[in-house]
Structures are given as structure tokens and as C-alpha cells.
Amino acid sequence: MDFFEQGAAKGNGVLELIGDDVAAFADDLVKDSPTHADIYQESLNDESGHG
């Protein structure tokens, strides 16, 4: 969020900050985040004692 706040304070628009390819920006933003499936699988492993 700081990224967007700093850009807004400088008067930059969103596309100036992230570029024209919004999907690529979003993909890059979440690329290392666990998915819901990952979190669910981990919770199953924790419950069964295999985590």
C-alpha cells in the first residue's frame, strides 16, 4: 500500500505506477503467495500431525 500512497502523493496515476499490463502486475504481486489450496492442505497436514 505504501507504493500506491507514495505514488498518489507525487500525483502519479495507477497506470504510471504499475504499467499498462495490469494482469502481469497482479500476477507478479501474488506469485510467491500461498493459494487457498496450499493453506487448506497445510491445515490438513497440521491436523493429522504430518506437518
PDB file of N, CA and C in Angstrom:
ATOM      1  N   MET A   1       0.815  -1.191   0.000  1.00  0.00           N
ATOM      2  CA  MET A   1       0.000   0.000   0.000  1.00  0.00           C
ATOM      3  C   MET A   1       0.858   1.254   0.000  1.00  0.00           C
ATOM      4  N   ASP A   2       1.988   1.193   0.648  1.00  0.00           N
ATOM      5  CA  ASP A   2       2.870   2.359   0.664  1.00  0.00           C
ATOM      6  C   ASP A   2       3.238   2.779  -0.750  1.00  0.00           C
ATOM      7  N   PHE A   3       3.427   1.782  -1.611  1.00  0.00           N
ATOM      8  CA  PHE A   3       3.775   2.029  -3.007  1.00  0.00           C
ATOM      9  C   PHE A   3       2.746   2.946  -3.669  1.00  0.00           C
ATOM     10  N   PHE A   4       1.464   2.629  -3.462  1.00  0.00           N
ATOM     11  CA  PHE A   4       0.402   3.423  -4.073  1.00  0.00           C
ATOM     12  C   PHE A   4       0.242   4.776  -3.383  1.00  0.00           C
ATOM     13  N   GLU A   5       0.389   4.795  -2.063  1.00  0.00           N
ATOM     14  CA  GLU A   5       0.274   6.056  -1.333  1.00  0.00           C
ATOM     15  C   GLU A   5       1.353   7.041  -1.745  1.00  0.00           C
ATOM     16  N   GLN A   6       2.568   6.546  -1.902  1.00  0.00           N
ATOM     17  CA  GLN A   6       3.673   7.418  -2.318  1.00  0.00           C
ATOM     18  C   GLN A   6       3.449   7.926  -3.739  1.00  0.00           C
ATOM     19  N   GLY A   7       2.968   7.055  -4.605  1.00  0.00           N
ATOM     20  CA  GLY A   7       2.677   7.461  -5.971  1.00  0.00           C
ATOM     21  C   GLY A   7       1.581   8.505  -6.026  1.00  0.00           C
ATOM     22  N   ALA A   8       0.535   8.313  -5.215  1.00  0.00           N
ATOM     23  CA  ALA A   8      -0.562   9.276  -5.181  1.00  0.00           C
ATOM     24  C   ALA A   8      -0.081  10.616  -4.640  1.00  0.00           C
ATOM     25  N   ALA A   9       0.791  10.578  -3.643  1.00  0.00           N
ATOM     26  CA  ALA A   9       1.320  11.817  -3.069  1.00  0.00           C
ATOM     27  C   ALA A   9       2.124  12.599  -4.106  1.00  0.00           C
ATOM     28  N   LYS A  10       2.734  11.880  -5.040  1.00  0.00           N
ATOM     29  CA  LYS A  10       3.518  12.522  -6.104  1.00  0.00           C
ATOM     30  C   LYS A  10       2.646  12.911  -7.294  1.00  0.00           C
ATOM     31  N   GLY A  11       1.367  12.535  -7.246  1.00  0.00           N
ATOM     32  CA  GLY A  11       0.456  12.864  -8.329  1.00  0.00           C
ATOM     33  C   GLY A  11       0.467  11.872  -9.476  1.00  0.00           C
ATOM     34  N   ASN A  12       1.053  10.695  -9.257  1.00  0.00           N
ATOM     35  CA  ASN A  12       1.095   9.671 -10.292  1.00  0.00           C
ATOM     36  C   ASN A  12      -0.215   8.900 -10.335  1.00  0.00           C
ATOM     37  N   GLY A  13      -0.652   8.569 -11.537  1.00  0.00           N
ATOM     38  CA  GLY A  13      -1.815   7.705 -11.694  1.00  0.00           C
ATOM     39  C   GLY A  13      -1.414   6.253 -11.507  1.00  0.00           C
ATOM     40  N   VAL A  14      -2.398   5.407 -11.326  1.00  0.00           N
ATOM     41  CA  VAL A  14      -2.129   3.987 -11.094  1.00  0.00           C
ATOM     42  C   VAL A  14      -1.346   3.369 -12.246  1.00  0.00           C
ATOM     43  N   LEU A  15      -1.763   3.640 -13.482  1.00  0.00           N
ATOM     44  CA  LEU A  15      -1.068   3.037 -14.624  1.00  0.00           C
ATOM     45  C   LEU A  15       0.358   3.543 -14.759  1.00  0.00           C
ATOM     46  N   GLU A  16       0.625   4.732 -14.281  1.00  0.00           N
ATOM     47  CA  GLU A  16       2.003   5.227 -14.268  1.00  0.00           C
ATOM     48  C   GLU A  16       2.849   4.409 -13.291  1.00  0.00           C
ATOM     49  N   LEU A  17       2.233   3.923 -12.226  1.00  0.00           N
ATOM     50  CA  LEU A  17       2.953   3.153 -11.221  1.00  0.00           C
ATOM     51  C   LEU A  17       3.137   1.699 -11.608  1.00  0.00           C
ATOM     52  N   ILE A  18       2.077   1.082 -12.162  1.00  0.00           N
ATOM     53  CA  ILE A  18       2.129  -0.360 -12.405  1.00  0.00           C
ATOM     54  C   ILE A  18       2.335  -0.734 -13.868  1.00  0.00           C
ATOM     55  N   GLY A  19       2.189   0.211 -14.765  1.00  0.00           N
ATOM     56  CA  GLY A  19       2.332  -0.071 -16.182  1.00  0.00           C
ATOM     57  C   GLY A  19       1.000  -0.407 -16.820  1.00  0.00           C
ATOM     58  N   ASP A  20       1.032  -0.613 -18.114  1.00  0.00           N
ATOM     59  CA  ASP A  20      -0.195  -0.863 -18.874  1.00  0.00           C
ATOM     60  C   ASP A  20      -0.739  -2.277 -18.707  1.00  0.00           C
ATOM     61  N   ASP A  21       0.126  -3.219 -18.316  1.00  0.00           N
ATOM     62  CA  ASP A  21      -0.302  -4.618 -18.194  1.00  0.00           C
ATOM     63  C   ASP A  21      -0.672  -4.903 -16.742  1.00  0.00           C
ATOM     64  N   VAL A  22      -1.918  -4.583 -16.408  1.00  0.00           N
ATOM     65  CA  VAL A  22      -2.395  -4.733 -15.032  1.00  0.00           C
ATOM     66  C   VAL A  22      -2.356  -6.198 -14.607  1.00  0.00           C
ATOM     67  N   ALA A  23      -2.704  -7.112 -15.501  1.00  0.00           N
ATOM     68  CA  ALA A  23      -2.707  -8.541 -15.166  1.00  0.00           C
ATOM     69  C   ALA A  23      -1.305  -9.020 -14.813  1.00  0.00           C
ATOM     70  N   ALA A  24      -0.314  -8.606 -15.561  1.00  0.00           N
ATOM     71  CA  ALA A  24       1.064  -9.009 -15.272  1.00  0.00           C
ATOM     72  C   ALA A  24       1.513  -8.458 -13.919  1.00  0.00           C
ATOM     73  N   PHE A  25       1.126  -7.228 -13.617  1.00  0.00           N
ATOM     74  CA  PHE A  25       1.454  -6.643 -12.324  1.00  0.00           C
ATOM     75  C   PHE A  25       0.828  -7.466 -11.202  1.00  0.00           C
ATOM     76  N   ALA A  26      -0.454  -7.804 -11.357  1.00  0.00           N
ATOM     77  CA  ALA A  26      -1.151  -8.586 -10.335  1.00  0.00           C
ATOM     78  C   ALA A  26      -0.538  -9.973 -10.186  1.00  0.00           C
ATOM     79  N   ASP A  27      -0.224 -10.621 -11.293  1.00  0.00           N
ATOM     80  CA  ASP A  27       0.402 -11.946 -11.246  1.00  0.00           C
ATOM     81  C   ASP A  27       1.733 -11.890 -10.498  1.00  0.00           C
ATOM     82  N   ASP A  28       2.522 -10.877 -10.785  1.00  0.00           N
ATOM     83  CA  ASP A  28       3.818 -10.734 -10.129  1.00  0.00           C
ATOM     84  C   ASP A  28       3.653 -10.448  -8.641  1.00  0.00           C
ATOM     85  N   LEU A  29       2.616  -9.718  -8.299  1.00  0.00           N
ATOM     86  CA  LEU A  29       2.370  -9.347  -6.913  1.00  0.00           C
ATOM     87  C   LEU A  29       2.067 -10.569  -6.043  1.00  0.00           C
ATOM     88  N   VAL A  30       1.379 -11.550  -6.592  1.00  0.00           N
ATOM     89  CA  VAL A  30       0.959 -12.712  -5.810  1.00  0.00           C
ATOM     90  C   VAL A  30       1.745 -13.978  -6.133  1.00  0.00           C
ATOM     91  N   LYS A  31       2.778 -13.893  -6.936  1.00  0.00           N
ATOM     92  CA  LYS A  31       3.460 -15.096  -7.415  1.00  0.00           C
ATOM     93  C   LYS A  31       4.017 -15.977  -6.305  1.00  0.00           C
ATOM     94  N   ASP A  32       4.438 -15.415  -5.192  1.00  0.00           N
ATOM     95  CA  ASP A  32       5.015 -16.208  -4.114  1.00  0.00           C
ATOM     96  C   ASP A  32       4.056 -16.411  -2.947  1.00  0.00           C
ATOM     97  N   SER A  33       2.811 -16.015  -3.125  1.00  0.00           N
ATOM     98  CA  SER A  33       1.821 -16.166  -2.065  1.00  0.00           C
ATOM     99  C   SER A  33       1.198 -17.554  -2.135  1.00  0.00           C
ATOM    100  N   PRO A  34       0.921 -18.132  -0.964  1.00  0.00           N
ATOM    101  CA  PRO A  34       0.260 -19.443  -0.992  1.00  0.00           C
ATOM    102  C   PRO A  34      -1.181 -19.316  -1.479  1.00  0.00           C
ATOM    103  N   THR A  35      -1.634 -20.336  -2.170  1.00  0.00           N
ATOM    104  CA  THR A  35      -3.016 -20.350  -2.642  1.00  0.00           C
ATOM    105  C   THR A  35      -3.917 -20.879  -1.522  1.00  0.00           C
ATOM    106  N   HIS A  36      -5.225 -20.748  -1.716  1.00  0.00           N
ATOM    107  CA  HIS A  36      -6.166 -21.312  -0.743  1.00  0.00           C
ATOM    108  C   HIS A  36      -5.957 -22.821  -0.635  1.00  0.00           C
ATOM    109  N   ALA A  37      -5.654 -23.464  -1.754  1.00  0.00           N
ATOM    110  CA  ALA A  37      -5.410 -24.909  -1.736  1.00  0.00           C
ATOM    111  C   ALA A  37      -4.172 -25.234  -0.905  1.00  0.00           C
ATOM    112  N   ASP A  38      -3.124 -24.430  -1.028  1.00  0.00           N
ATOM    113  CA  ASP A  38      -1.914 -24.643  -0.230  1.00  0.00           C
ATOM    114  C   ASP A  38      -2.211 -24.527   1.266  1.00  0.00           C
ATOM    115  N   ILE A  39      -2.954 -23.492   1.619  1.00  0.00           N
ATOM    116  CA  ILE A  39      -3.289 -23.257   3.029  1.00  0.00           C
ATOM    117  C   ILE A  39      -4.160 -24.395   3.566  1.00  0.00           C
ATOM    118  N   TYR A  40      -5.130 -24.818   2.760  1.00  0.00           N
ATOM    119  CA  TYR A  40      -6.009 -25.916   3.163  1.00  0.00           C
ATOM    120  C   TYR A  40      -5.211 -27.196   3.360  1.00  0.00           C
ATOM    121  N   GLN A  41      -4.333 -27.516   2.421  1.00  0.00           N
ATOM    122  CA  GLN A  41      -3.525 -28.730   2.522  1.00  0.00           C
ATOM    123  C   GLN A  41      -2.644 -28.677   3.765  1.00  0.00           C
ATOM    124  N   GLU A  42      -2.082 -27.526   4.053  1.00  0.00           N
ATOM    125  CA  GLU A  42      -1.245 -27.377   5.240  1.00  0.00           C
ATOM    126  C   GLU A  42      -2.067 -27.594   6.512  1.00  0.00           C
ATOM    127  N   SER A  43      -3.308 -27.083   6.517  1.00  0.00           N
ATOM    128  CA  SER A  43      -4.156 -27.268   7.699  1.00  0.00           C
ATOM    129  C   SER A  43      -4.490 -28.750   7.884  1.00  0.00           C
ATOM    130  N   LEU A  44      -4.690 -29.475   6.794  1.00  0.00           N
ATOM    131  CA  LEU A  44      -4.939 -30.912   6.890  1.00  0.00           C
ATOM    132  C   LEU A  44      -3.720 -31.634   7.440  1.00  0.00           C
ATOM    133  N   ASN A  45      -2.561 -31.238   6.964  1.00  0.00           N
ATOM    134  CA  ASN A  45      -1.312 -31.853   7.440  1.00  0.00           C
ATOM    135  C   ASN A  45      -1.116 -31.581   8.929  1.00  0.00           C
ATOM    136  N   ASP A  46      -1.407 -30.360   9.367  1.00  0.00           N
ATOM    137  CA  ASP A  46      -1.254 -29.989  10.773  1.00  0.00           C
ATOM    138  C   ASP A  46      -2.206 -30.811  11.649  1.00  0.00           C
ATOM    139  N   GLU A  47      -3.437 -30.995  11.179  1.00  0.00           N
ATOM    140  CA  GLU A  47      -4.431 -31.730  11.953  1.00  0.00           C
ATOM    141  C   GLU A  47      -4.068 -33.195  12.086  1.00  0.00           C
ATOM    142  N   SER A  48      -3.429 -33.753  11.047  1.00  0.00           N
ATOM    143  CA  SER A  48      -3.097 -35.182  11.083  1.00  0.00           C
ATOM    144  C   SER A  48      -1.738 -35.436  11.708  1.00  0.00           C
ATOM    145  N   GLY A  49      -1.025 -34.345  12.044  1.00  0.00           N
ATOM    146  CA  GLY A  49       0.278 -34.493  12.670  1.00  0.00           C
ATOM    147  C   GLY A  49       1.414 -34.761  11.713  1.00  0.00           C
ATOM    148  N   HIS A  50       1.170 -34.488  10.421  1.00  0.00           N
ATOM    149  CA  HIS A  50       2.210 -34.723   9.416  1.00  0.00           C
ATOM    150  C   HIS A  50       2.754 -33.413   8.864  1.00  0.00           C
ATOM    151  N   GLY A  51       2.725 -32.328   9.597  1.00  0.00           N
ATOM    152  CA  GLY A  51       3.131 -31.031   9.098  1.00  0.00           C
ATOM    153  C   GLY A  51       4.535 -30.768   9.345  1.00  0.00           C
TER     154      GLY A  51
END
